[in-house]
């Protein structure tokens, strides 16, 4: 952490669980962005201590060196990263997989749906509306 006083303290720790879950604590920043049309560097909140780059790289280096010592053969970078960051980012990524699959399959499903609206005498109108 830097020794500078907090210029724009992050409100994340002062909000309740619902605000954290729904990210409503960031609404003030979004309103400011909408009103100004852009955000400037001094508008942004200060970084949370656990996300500072020097702390993360030091922790990752320490966990990597421990991983190298513990596993004589092949050290695992994923294991060292999980020890550093925790399971949160990985679980968030796993939750995004169905969303991305839905985005990927949407054009294909729309193509099949548009096939019902072609002029086709063999498909009844009631079946097409289902």
C-alpha atoms as a PDB file:
ATOM      1  CA  UNK A   1       0.000   0.000   0.000  1.00  0.00           C
ATOM      2  CA  UNK A   2       1.193   3.481  -0.716  1.00  0.00           C
ATOM      3  CA  UNK A   3       1.820   5.966   2.075  1.00  0.00           C
ATOM      4  CA  UNK A   4      -0.367   8.606   0.397  1.00  0.00           C
ATOM      5  CA  UNK A   5      -3.641   9.384   2.155  1.00  0.00           C
ATOM      6  CA  UNK A   6      -6.744   8.089   0.429  1.00  0.00           C
ATOM      7  CA  UNK A   7      -7.901  10.673  -2.089  1.00  0.00           C
ATOM      8  CA  UNK A   8     -11.168   8.995  -3.022  1.00  0.00           C
ATOM      9  CA  UNK A   9     -11.788   6.131  -0.578  1.00  0.00           C
ATOM     10  CA  UNK A  10     -13.502   3.063  -1.945  1.00  0.00           C
ATOM     11  CA  UNK A  11     -17.027   2.692  -0.482  1.00  0.00           C
ATOM     12  CA  UNK A  12     -16.965  -1.101  -0.848  1.00  0.00           C
ATOM     13  CA  UNK A  13     -16.289  -1.760   2.842  1.00  0.00           C
ATOM     14  CA  UNK A  14     -19.010   0.632   4.068  1.00  0.00           C
ATOM     15  CA  UNK A  15     -21.906  -0.916   2.112  1.00  0.00           C
ATOM     16  CA  UNK A  16     -24.108  -3.864   3.066  1.00  0.00           C
ATOM     17  CA  UNK A  17     -24.107  -7.332   1.483  1.00  0.00           C
ATOM     18  CA  UNK A  18     -26.932  -6.585  -0.946  1.00  0.00           C
ATOM     19  CA  UNK A  19     -25.111  -3.545  -2.289  1.00  0.00           C
ATOM     20  CA  UNK A  20     -21.990  -5.635  -2.741  1.00  0.00           C
ATOM     21  CA  UNK A  21     -23.898  -8.437  -4.449  1.00  0.00           C
ATOM     22  CA  UNK A  22     -25.814  -6.174  -6.839  1.00  0.00           C
ATOM     23  CA  UNK A  23     -22.932  -3.657  -7.225  1.00  0.00           C
ATOM     24  CA  UNK A  24     -25.256  -0.791  -6.337  1.00  0.00           C
ATOM     25  CA  UNK A  25     -22.448   0.903  -4.435  1.00  0.00           C
ATOM     26  CA  UNK A  26     -20.969   1.935  -7.772  1.00  0.00           C
ATOM     27  CA  UNK A  27     -24.165   3.742  -8.883  1.00  0.00           C
ATOM     28  CA  UNK A  28     -22.808   7.144  -7.814  1.00  0.00           C
ATOM     29  CA  UNK A  29     -19.804   6.685 -10.080  1.00  0.00           C
ATOM     30  CA  UNK A  30     -22.037   5.606 -12.968  1.00  0.00           C
ATOM     31  CA  UNK A  31     -24.305   8.646 -12.508  1.00  0.00           C
ATOM     32  CA  UNK A  32     -21.269  10.913 -12.502  1.00  0.00           C
ATOM     33  CA  UNK A  33     -20.028   9.265 -15.683  1.00  0.00           C
ATOM     34  CA  UNK A  34     -23.410   9.706 -17.346  1.00  0.00           C
ATOM     35  CA  UNK A  35     -23.641  13.361 -16.319  1.00  0.00           C
ATOM     36  CA  UNK A  36     -20.073  14.299 -17.332  1.00  0.00           C
ATOM     37  CA  UNK A  37     -19.935  12.060 -20.381  1.00  0.00           C
ATOM     38  CA  UNK A  38     -16.584  10.670 -19.268  1.00  0.00           C
ATOM     39  CA  UNK A  39     -14.680   9.764 -16.140  1.00  0.00           C
ATOM     40  CA  UNK A  40     -11.385  11.280 -15.147  1.00  0.00           C
ATOM     41  CA  UNK A  41      -8.680   9.570 -13.134  1.00  0.00           C
ATOM     42  CA  UNK A  42      -9.491  11.528  -9.974  1.00  0.00           C
ATOM     43  CA  UNK A  43     -13.160  10.406 -10.222  1.00  0.00           C
ATOM     44  CA  UNK A  44     -12.247   6.753  -9.713  1.00  0.00           C
ATOM     45  CA  UNK A  45     -12.253   5.141  -6.292  1.00  0.00           C
ATOM     46  CA  UNK A  46      -9.000   4.111  -4.669  1.00  0.00           C
ATOM     47  CA  UNK A  47      -7.948   0.530  -5.191  1.00  0.00           C
ATOM     48  CA  UNK A  48      -8.843  -1.971  -2.476  1.00  0.00           C
ATOM     49  CA  UNK A  49      -5.748  -3.111  -0.565  1.00  0.00           C
ATOM     50  CA  UNK A  50      -6.039  -6.744  -1.646  1.00  0.00           C
ATOM     51  CA  UNK A  51      -5.914  -5.747  -5.315  1.00  0.00           C
ATOM     52  CA  UNK A  52      -2.765  -3.646  -5.267  1.00  0.00           C
ATOM     53  CA  UNK A  53      -0.288  -4.904  -7.840  1.00  0.00           C
ATOM     54  CA  UNK A  54       2.774  -4.978  -5.587  1.00  0.00           C
ATOM     55  CA  UNK A  55       0.985  -7.027  -2.928  1.00  0.00           C
ATOM     56  CA  UNK A  56      -0.429  -9.454  -5.499  1.00  0.00           C
ATOM     57  CA  UNK A  57       2.895  -9.974  -7.255  1.00  0.00           C
ATOM     58  CA  UNK A  58       4.741 -10.434  -3.959  1.00  0.00           C
ATOM     59  CA  UNK A  59       2.150 -12.972  -2.793  1.00  0.00           C
ATOM     60  CA  UNK A  60       2.220 -14.789  -6.129  1.00  0.00           C
ATOM     61  CA  UNK A  61       6.008 -14.939  -6.065  1.00  0.00           C
ATOM     62  CA  UNK A  62       5.974 -16.299  -2.508  1.00  0.00           C
ATOM     63  CA  UNK A  63       3.339 -18.907  -3.395  1.00  0.00           C
ATOM     64  CA  UNK A  64       5.220 -19.852  -6.556  1.00  0.00           C
ATOM     65  CA  UNK A  65       8.480 -20.379  -4.665  1.00  0.00           C
ATOM     66  CA  UNK A  66       6.600 -22.501  -2.106  1.00  0.00           C
ATOM     67  CA  UNK A  67       5.073 -24.488  -4.969  1.00  0.00           C
ATOM     68  CA  UNK A  68       8.519 -25.072  -6.500  1.00  0.00           C
ATOM     69  CA  UNK A  69       9.858 -26.275  -3.130  1.00  0.00           C
ATOM     70  CA  UNK A  70       6.890 -28.540  -2.382  1.00  0.00           C
ATOM     71  CA  UNK A  71       6.617 -30.183  -5.795  1.00  0.00           C
ATOM     72  CA  UNK A  72       9.985 -31.485  -6.834  1.00  0.00           C
ATOM     73  CA  UNK A  73       8.927 -32.380 -10.376  1.00  0.00           C
ATOM     74  CA  UNK A  74       6.469 -29.990 -11.986  1.00  0.00           C
ATOM     75  CA  UNK A  75       5.247 -26.909 -10.124  1.00  0.00           C
ATOM     76  CA  UNK A  76       1.694 -25.826 -10.928  1.00  0.00           C
ATOM     77  CA  UNK A  77       1.079 -22.136 -11.650  1.00  0.00           C
ATOM     78  CA  UNK A  78      -2.695 -22.570 -11.313  1.00  0.00           C
ATOM     79  CA  UNK A  79      -2.282 -23.866  -7.755  1.00  0.00           C
ATOM     80  CA  UNK A  80      -0.009 -20.942  -6.855  1.00  0.00           C
ATOM     81  CA  UNK A  81      -2.485 -18.493  -8.386  1.00  0.00           C
ATOM     82  CA  UNK A  82      -5.389 -20.060  -6.472  1.00  0.00           C
ATOM     83  CA  UNK A  83      -3.417 -19.694  -3.246  1.00  0.00           C
ATOM     84  CA  UNK A  84      -2.852 -16.039  -4.103  1.00  0.00           C
ATOM     85  CA  UNK A  85      -6.259 -14.965  -5.429  1.00  0.00           C
ATOM     86  CA  UNK A  86      -8.574 -17.550  -3.890  1.00  0.00           C
ATOM     87  CA  UNK A  87     -11.475 -19.290  -5.607  1.00  0.00           C
ATOM     88  CA  UNK A  88     -13.537 -16.135  -6.292  1.00  0.00           C
ATOM     89  CA  UNK A  89     -12.220 -15.246  -9.770  1.00  0.00           C
ATOM     90  CA  UNK A  90     -12.295 -18.896 -10.872  1.00  0.00           C
ATOM     91  CA  UNK A  91     -15.899 -19.361  -9.727  1.00  0.00           C
ATOM     92  CA  UNK A  92     -16.912 -16.131 -11.438  1.00  0.00           C
ATOM     93  CA  UNK A  93     -15.355 -17.401 -14.647  1.00  0.00           C
ATOM     94  CA  UNK A  94     -17.180 -20.719 -14.315  1.00  0.00           C
ATOM     95  CA  UNK A  95     -20.476 -18.868 -13.882  1.00  0.00           C
ATOM     96  CA  UNK A  96     -19.797 -16.958 -17.096  1.00  0.00           C
ATOM     97  CA  UNK A  97     -19.506 -20.134 -19.198  1.00  0.00           C
ATOM     98  CA  UNK A  98     -23.300 -20.671 -19.626  1.00  0.00           C
ATOM     99  CA  UNK A  99     -23.737 -17.009 -20.516  1.00  0.00           C
ATOM    100  CA  UNK A 100     -21.071 -17.170 -23.185  1.00  0.00           C
ATOM    101  CA  UNK A 101     -22.499 -20.425 -24.556  1.00  0.00           C
ATOM    102  CA  UNK A 102     -25.918 -18.773 -24.801  1.00  0.00           C
ATOM    103  CA  UNK A 103     -24.387 -15.825 -26.667  1.00  0.00           C
ATOM    104  CA  UNK A 104     -22.621 -18.221 -29.017  1.00  0.00           C
ATOM    105  CA  UNK A 105     -25.701 -20.343 -29.737  1.00  0.00           C
ATOM    106  CA  UNK A 106     -28.134 -17.431 -30.103  1.00  0.00           C
ATOM    107  CA  UNK A 107     -27.551 -16.849 -33.862  1.00  0.00           C
ATOM    108  CA  UNK A 108     -27.939 -20.559 -34.551  1.00  0.00           C
ATOM    109  CA  UNK A 109     -31.208 -20.732 -32.617  1.00  0.00           C
ATOM    110  CA  UNK A 110     -32.480 -17.608 -34.383  1.00  0.00           C
ATOM    111  CA  UNK A 111     -31.730 -19.237 -37.739  1.00  0.00           C
ATOM    112  CA  UNK A 112     -33.911 -22.219 -36.819  1.00  0.00           C
ATOM    113  CA  UNK A 113     -36.636 -19.894 -35.550  1.00  0.00           C
ATOM    114  CA  UNK A 114     -36.637 -17.882 -38.772  1.00  0.00           C
ATOM    115  CA  UNK A 115     -37.106 -21.144 -40.674  1.00  0.00           C
ATOM    116  CA  UNK A 116     -40.621 -21.321 -39.276  1.00  0.00           C
ATOM    117  CA  UNK A 117     -41.516 -18.018 -40.892  1.00  0.00           C
ATOM    118  CA  UNK A 118     -40.564 -19.071 -44.415  1.00  0.00           C
ATOM    119  CA  UNK A 119     -43.492 -19.779 -46.659  1.00  0.00           C
ATOM    120  CA  UNK A 120     -43.938 -23.502 -46.213  1.00  0.00           C
ATOM    121  CA  UNK A 121     -47.255 -25.224 -46.878  1.00  0.00           C
ATOM    122  CA  UNK A 122     -46.320 -28.339 -44.867  1.00  0.00           C
ATOM    123  CA  UNK A 123     -46.114 -26.532 -41.500  1.00  0.00           C
ATOM    124  CA  UNK A 124     -49.411 -25.518 -39.954  1.00  0.00           C
ATOM    125  CA  UNK A 125     -49.759 -22.022 -38.548  1.00  0.00           C
ATOM    126  CA  UNK A 126     -50.588 -23.316 -35.059  1.00  0.00           C
ATOM    127  CA  UNK A 127     -47.386 -25.402 -35.003  1.00  0.00           C
ATOM    128  CA  UNK A 128     -45.314 -22.436 -36.170  1.00  0.00           C
ATOM    129  CA  UNK A 129     -46.695 -20.252 -33.372  1.00  0.00           C
ATOM    130  CA  UNK A 130     -45.668 -22.813 -30.747  1.00  0.00           C
END
